[in-house]
Amino acid sequence: MTPRETPRTLDHRTAGEAAGGGGGPVPDGVDVEELRALARSLACEAGTLVREGRPERVEVAATKSSAVDPVTAMDRASEELLRARLAVERPDDAILGEEGDDVPGTSGLTWVLDPIDGTVNYLYGVASYAVSVAVVAGPPDPERWTALAGCVHSVVDGRTWTAALGGGAERDGRALHVSRPASLAGSLVGTGFGYSAERRAHQAQVLTSVLPRVRDIRRLGAAAIDLCLLAEGALDLYYERGLNPWDVGAGGLVATEAGAWLGGLRGRRASSTMTVAGAGPVVDELVHLLEAADADGDGRAAPR
């Protein structure tokens, strides 16, 4: 099944299951609503730590992929809290976190943690950063896992989005549904950019193909929040190259459980190569547009 077919033919639950990956069946005895509740508790507790512990001036503790890809002491403290809680609550589960070493498990489940999604926003005091907690079955790879439950907690304003596989998506108890714009030209599109100069140059080139074809572009700086805003209709479409598993784990499930299709380009599932989300048929048009612009390429191929 290709991206061209999927948005038109899958209902929201089937789309969510397809976007969840190929990790196989959910292990026996797993209660996804119980996992949703735990993900929410963990994300909110870590969010309180991040919110109340933010100093007036945040210092960069280290960098990752480039000199402008920062890590703060709070990134580490938030993840340490999440890991400590999971060691007590779910000692047999594996952990994949942004800031620490992977923890193996025996249950077949993995917790995928982003202690602060939107670290640059946190660093500068821009009010769009979140704690993201997801739990998946199967390999800890978005192209192969089955996302079971997740929570994205917006630190500054307390908005909290949750989802459970087959159980729908909510924001603070309100059921969520994606928007279904009439056209690509009338769609508000979220995106983000990488940290290397080469990647950004190519993304800017792609943007020249996308921007004239849509209502407008929003770049908010926190992928998990972007996906949740799409889930509640505050964005119509979303695409980004370079997302890590922790960027898309919880937010991706919130989006698909709200009715979005989530995938990549050229028949692939959502991955670091490209993640696209939205409802059909306009998400289909966006997929075509991004493929023609070589949005998942290295920039050497000219847009067609």
Protein backbone atom coordinates (compact mmCIF):
# COMPACT_ATOMS: atom_id res chain seq x y z
CA MET A 1 0.00 0.00 0.00
CA THR A 2 1.48 3.35 -1.01
CA PRO A 3 1.18 6.75 0.66
CA ARG A 4 -1.06 7.75 -2.23
CA GLU A 5 -3.60 5.08 -1.29
CA THR A 6 -3.38 5.15 2.47
CA PRO A 7 -4.94 8.54 3.35
CA ARG A 8 -7.96 7.75 1.19
CA THR A 9 -8.67 4.22 2.34
CA LEU A 10 -7.80 3.78 6.01
CA ASP A 11 -10.08 4.73 8.84
CA HIS A 12 -8.46 6.35 11.88
CA ARG A 13 -7.92 3.19 13.89
CA THR A 14 -6.44 1.23 11.00
CA ALA A 15 -4.30 4.22 10.09
CA GLY A 16 -3.05 4.38 13.67
CA GLU A 17 -2.15 0.71 13.68
CA ALA A 18 -0.37 0.98 10.33
CA ALA A 19 1.56 4.04 11.43
CA GLY A 20 2.48 2.27 14.65
CA GLY A 21 4.87 0.08 12.73
CA GLY A 22 5.53 -3.58 12.18
CA GLY A 23 6.57 -4.61 15.66
CA GLY A 24 4.15 -7.52 15.74
CA PRO A 25 1.29 -8.29 18.12
CA VAL A 26 0.89 -6.59 21.47
CA PRO A 27 2.25 -8.87 24.21
CA ASP A 28 -0.36 -10.79 26.19
CA GLY A 29 -1.59 -9.10 29.32
CA VAL A 30 -0.74 -5.56 28.23
CA ASP A 31 -3.35 -2.97 29.22
CA VAL A 32 -2.83 0.04 26.95
CA GLU A 33 -5.04 2.29 29.10
CA GLU A 34 -2.93 1.47 32.12
CA LEU A 35 0.16 2.33 30.10
CA ARG A 36 -1.46 5.59 28.98
CA ALA A 37 -2.13 6.55 32.60
CA LEU A 38 1.46 5.80 33.57
CA ALA A 39 2.85 7.76 30.62
CA ARG A 40 0.72 10.73 31.67
CA SER A 41 1.84 10.52 35.29
CA LEU A 42 5.50 10.33 34.29
CA ALA A 43 5.34 13.16 31.76
CA CYS A 44 3.49 15.48 34.12
CA GLU A 45 5.88 14.79 37.01
CA ALA A 46 8.89 15.45 34.81
CA GLY A 47 7.15 18.54 33.45
CA THR A 48 6.76 19.93 36.95
CA LEU A 49 10.49 19.41 37.53
CA VAL A 50 11.35 21.21 34.29
CA ARG A 51 8.94 24.08 34.92
CA GLU A 52 9.77 24.71 38.57
CA GLY A 53 13.49 24.10 38.18
CA ARG A 54 14.15 26.39 35.23
CA PRO A 55 16.69 29.05 36.22
CA GLU A 56 16.41 32.61 35.00
CA ARG A 57 19.37 31.98 32.71
CA VAL A 58 19.77 28.48 31.26
CA GLU A 59 23.30 27.31 30.44
CA VAL A 60 24.25 24.78 27.77
CA ALA A 61 25.76 21.69 29.38
CA ALA A 62 26.83 19.99 26.13
CA THR A 63 26.02 19.73 22.44
CA LYS A 64 24.98 16.77 20.29
CA SER A 65 24.81 16.73 16.49
CA SER A 66 26.28 20.22 16.04
CA ALA A 67 27.32 23.30 18.00
CA VAL A 68 23.73 24.60 17.84
CA ASP A 69 22.11 21.34 19.08
CA PRO A 70 22.23 21.86 22.87
CA VAL A 71 21.79 19.72 25.97
CA THR A 72 21.02 21.39 29.30
CA ALA A 73 21.40 20.10 32.85
CA MET A 74 17.60 19.95 33.03
CA ASP A 75 17.42 17.62 30.00
CA ARG A 76 19.54 15.20 32.00
CA ALA A 77 17.69 15.72 35.29
CA SER A 78 14.30 15.18 33.65
CA GLU A 79 15.41 11.96 31.99
CA GLU A 80 16.99 10.70 35.20
CA LEU A 81 13.65 11.20 36.97
CA LEU A 82 11.78 9.31 34.25
CA ARG A 83 14.27 6.45 34.31
CA ALA A 84 14.13 6.21 38.09
CA ARG A 85 10.32 6.04 38.11
CA LEU A 86 10.28 3.39 35.38
CA ALA A 87 12.84 1.28 37.24
CA VAL A 88 10.26 1.02 40.02
CA GLU A 89 7.02 0.89 38.03
CA ARG A 90 8.14 -1.19 35.02
CA PRO A 91 11.45 -2.89 35.87
CA ASP A 92 11.18 -5.46 33.07
CA ASP A 93 10.69 -2.91 30.28
CA ALA A 94 13.46 -1.48 28.12
CA ILE A 95 14.20 2.26 27.91
CA LEU A 96 15.28 4.34 24.91
CA GLY A 97 16.04 7.90 25.97
CA GLU A 98 17.53 10.91 24.27
CA GLU A 99 20.15 11.69 26.89
CA GLY A 100 21.16 8.40 28.51
CA ASP A 101 22.28 4.89 27.68
CA ASP A 102 19.70 2.41 26.44
CA VAL A 103 18.36 0.02 29.09
CA PRO A 104 17.57 -3.54 27.94
CA GLY A 105 14.37 -5.27 28.99
CA THR A 106 12.68 -8.65 28.94
CA SER A 107 8.99 -7.72 28.52
CA GLY A 108 9.00 -6.82 24.83
CA LEU A 109 8.05 -3.21 25.66
CA THR A 110 10.27 -0.14 25.40
CA TRP A 111 9.72 3.30 26.89
CA VAL A 112 10.78 6.05 24.50
CA LEU A 113 11.65 9.24 26.38
CA ASP A 114 12.25 12.84 25.37
CA PRO A 115 12.95 14.70 28.63
CA ILE A 116 12.63 18.10 26.93
CA ASP A 117 11.40 18.23 23.37
CA GLY A 118 12.22 21.72 22.18
CA THR A 119 15.44 22.25 24.13
CA VAL A 120 16.36 25.38 22.15
CA ASN A 121 13.00 26.88 23.09
CA TYR A 122 13.66 25.96 26.73
CA LEU A 123 17.11 27.54 26.48
CA TYR A 124 15.75 30.83 25.18
CA GLY A 125 12.53 30.90 27.19
CA VAL A 126 10.27 30.43 24.16
CA ALA A 127 7.03 28.85 25.39
CA SER A 128 6.92 25.69 23.27
CA TYR A 129 8.65 22.72 24.88
CA ALA A 130 7.39 19.47 26.30
CA VAL A 131 8.11 16.18 28.00
CA SER A 132 7.28 13.23 25.75
CA VAL A 133 6.80 9.69 27.06
CA ALA A 134 5.76 6.75 24.89
CA VAL A 135 5.76 2.97 25.23
CA VAL A 136 6.09 0.70 22.20
CA ALA A 137 6.11 -3.03 21.44
CA GLY A 138 8.72 -4.59 19.20
CA PRO A 139 12.02 -3.08 18.05
CA PRO A 140 12.62 0.50 19.27
CA ASP A 141 12.51 1.80 15.70
CA PRO A 142 9.57 3.87 14.35
CA GLU A 143 9.55 1.88 11.12
CA ARG A 144 9.11 -1.41 12.99
CA TRP A 145 7.54 -0.74 16.38
CA THR A 146 3.89 -0.78 17.45
CA ALA A 147 3.18 2.32 19.53
CA LEU A 148 0.91 1.40 22.44
CA ALA A 149 0.48 4.52 24.57
CA GLY A 150 1.98 7.94 25.05
CA CYS A 151 1.76 11.38 26.58
CA VAL A 152 3.06 14.80 25.56
CA HIS A 153 3.00 17.37 28.36
CA SER A 154 3.49 21.01 27.40
CA VAL A 155 5.61 22.36 30.23
CA VAL A 156 4.79 26.07 30.15
CA ASP A 157 0.99 25.95 29.93
CA GLY A 158 0.25 22.43 31.22
CA ARG A 159 -1.63 21.16 28.17
CA THR A 160 -1.44 17.36 28.21
CA TRP A 161 -2.12 15.12 25.24
CA THR A 162 -2.45 11.36 25.60
CA ALA A 163 -3.25 8.39 23.36
CA ALA A 164 -3.64 4.62 23.60
CA LEU A 165 -3.65 2.24 20.66
CA GLY A 166 -7.29 1.77 19.61
CA GLY A 167 -8.42 4.01 22.47
CA GLY A 168 -8.31 7.39 20.78
CA ALA A 169 -6.45 10.59 21.61
CA GLU A 170 -7.30 13.24 24.18
CA ARG A 171 -6.15 16.63 25.39
CA ASP A 172 -6.97 17.12 29.06
CA GLY A 173 -9.88 14.70 28.74
CA ARG A 174 -11.30 16.08 25.48
CA ALA A 175 -11.37 13.71 22.51
CA LEU A 176 -9.29 14.88 19.56
CA HIS A 177 -9.97 14.78 15.82
CA VAL A 178 -7.76 16.05 13.01
CA SER A 179 -8.94 18.74 10.66
CA ARG A 180 -9.89 17.88 7.09
CA PRO A 181 -9.13 20.95 4.99
CA ALA A 182 -10.69 21.21 1.57
CA SER A 183 -7.42 21.87 -0.24
CA LEU A 184 -3.67 21.97 0.12
CA ALA A 185 -3.80 25.69 -0.66
CA GLY A 186 -5.98 26.20 2.41
CA SER A 187 -3.81 24.12 4.76
CA LEU A 188 -1.66 25.41 7.61
CA VAL A 189 1.51 23.29 7.65
CA GLY A 190 3.93 22.68 10.50
CA THR A 191 7.56 21.74 9.94
CA GLY A 192 11.02 21.90 11.50
CA PHE A 193 14.65 22.11 10.47
CA GLY A 194 17.82 20.19 11.23
CA TYR A 195 20.98 21.37 12.95
CA SER A 196 23.61 20.94 10.24
CA ALA A 197 24.17 23.74 7.74
CA GLU A 198 23.96 21.32 4.81
CA ARG A 199 20.64 19.86 5.96
CA ARG A 200 19.18 23.31 6.55
CA ALA A 201 20.23 24.54 3.11
CA HIS A 202 18.38 21.66 1.46
CA GLN A 203 15.33 22.11 3.71
CA ALA A 204 15.21 25.77 2.71
CA GLN A 205 15.20 24.70 -0.93
CA VAL A 206 12.32 22.29 -0.27
CA LEU A 207 10.42 25.05 1.52
CA THR A 208 10.44 27.14 -1.65
CA SER A 209 8.43 24.35 -3.29
CA VAL A 210 5.99 23.95 -0.38
CA LEU A 211 5.32 27.51 0.77
CA PRO A 212 3.67 28.82 -2.43
CA ARG A 213 1.28 25.83 -2.43
CA VAL A 214 -0.12 26.09 1.11
CA ARG A 215 -1.90 28.61 3.35
CA ASP A 216 1.23 29.19 5.45
CA ILE A 217 4.03 27.48 7.36
CA ARG A 218 4.56 27.28 11.12
CA ARG A 219 7.89 26.34 12.72
CA LEU A 220 7.33 26.06 16.48
CA GLY A 221 10.44 24.11 17.45
CA ALA A 222 9.00 21.06 19.24
CA ALA A 223 7.99 18.14 17.04
CA ALA A 224 5.97 16.38 19.74
CA ILE A 225 3.81 19.47 20.26
CA ASP A 226 3.48 19.97 16.51
CA LEU A 227 2.06 16.46 16.11
CA CYS A 228 -0.38 17.05 18.96
CA LEU A 229 -1.49 20.37 17.49
CA LEU A 230 -2.18 18.51 14.26
CA ALA A 231 -4.22 15.98 16.25
CA GLU A 232 -6.50 18.72 17.59
CA GLY A 233 -6.82 20.61 14.31
CA ALA A 234 -4.57 23.56 15.17
CA LEU A 235 -2.35 22.46 12.25
CA ASP A 236 -3.67 20.81 9.12
CA LEU A 237 -0.48 19.05 7.97
CA TYR A 238 3.01 18.40 9.24
CA TYR A 239 6.29 17.23 7.74
CA GLU A 240 9.87 17.09 8.93
CA ARG A 241 13.09 15.34 8.05
CA GLY A 242 15.49 14.20 10.78
CA LEU A 243 13.13 13.27 13.61
CA ASN A 244 14.45 10.83 16.19
CA PRO A 245 12.36 8.02 17.74
CA TRP A 246 11.76 10.08 20.90
CA ASP A 247 10.52 13.02 18.82
CA VAL A 248 7.71 11.02 17.23
CA GLY A 249 6.92 8.23 19.74
CA ALA A 250 4.11 9.84 21.75
CA GLY A 251 3.11 12.63 19.38
CA GLY A 252 2.85 10.26 16.45
CA LEU A 253 0.40 8.04 18.29
CA VAL A 254 -1.65 11.04 19.42
CA ALA A 255 -1.88 12.14 15.79
CA THR A 256 -2.87 8.75 14.38
CA GLU A 257 -5.40 8.04 17.12
CA ALA A 258 -6.97 11.42 16.28
CA GLY A 259 -7.42 10.33 12.67
CA ALA A 260 -4.17 11.30 10.97
CA TRP A 261 -2.18 9.27 8.51
CA LEU A 262 1.48 9.15 9.57
CA GLY A 263 4.17 7.96 7.17
CA GLY A 264 7.17 8.78 5.04
CA LEU A 265 7.83 9.20 1.36
CA ARG A 266 8.11 6.64 -1.44
CA GLY A 267 6.13 4.00 0.43
CA ARG A 268 8.18 4.09 3.65
CA ARG A 269 6.86 4.44 7.16
CA ALA A 270 7.64 7.53 9.21
CA SER A 271 11.34 7.62 10.06
CA SER A 272 14.30 9.94 10.44
CA THR A 273 14.35 10.18 6.64
CA MET A 274 10.93 11.85 6.57
CA THR A 275 7.80 12.08 8.67
CA VAL A 276 4.56 13.38 7.16
CA ALA A 277 1.22 13.60 8.96
CA GLY A 278 -2.29 14.75 8.18
CA ALA A 279 -5.66 13.63 6.89
CA GLY A 280 -6.53 12.72 3.32
CA PRO A 281 -6.76 13.73 0.62
CA VAL A 282 -4.53 16.77 1.21
CA VAL A 283 -1.80 14.76 2.95
CA ASP A 284 -1.60 12.75 -0.26
CA GLU A 285 -0.95 15.97 -2.17
CA LEU A 286 1.74 16.96 0.32
CA VAL A 287 3.45 13.58 -0.09
CA HIS A 288 3.52 14.09 -3.88
CA LEU A 289 4.89 17.60 -3.46
CA LEU A 290 7.64 16.53 -1.06
CA GLU A 291 8.66 13.63 -3.28
CA ALA A 292 8.92 15.95 -6.27
CA ALA A 293 11.06 18.36 -4.22
CA ASP A 294 13.41 15.51 -3.17
CA ALA A 295 12.62 16.38 0.45
CA ASP A 296 14.08 13.09 1.69
CA GLY A 297 17.23 13.43 -0.45
CA ASP A 298 20.62 14.98 0.10
CA GLY A 299 20.00 18.11 -1.90
CA ARG A 300 22.02 17.13 -4.92
CA ALA A 301 18.98 16.25 -7.02
CA ALA A 302 17.17 19.21 -8.50
CA PRO A 303 13.47 19.57 -7.59
CA ARG A 304 11.26 18.23 -10.34
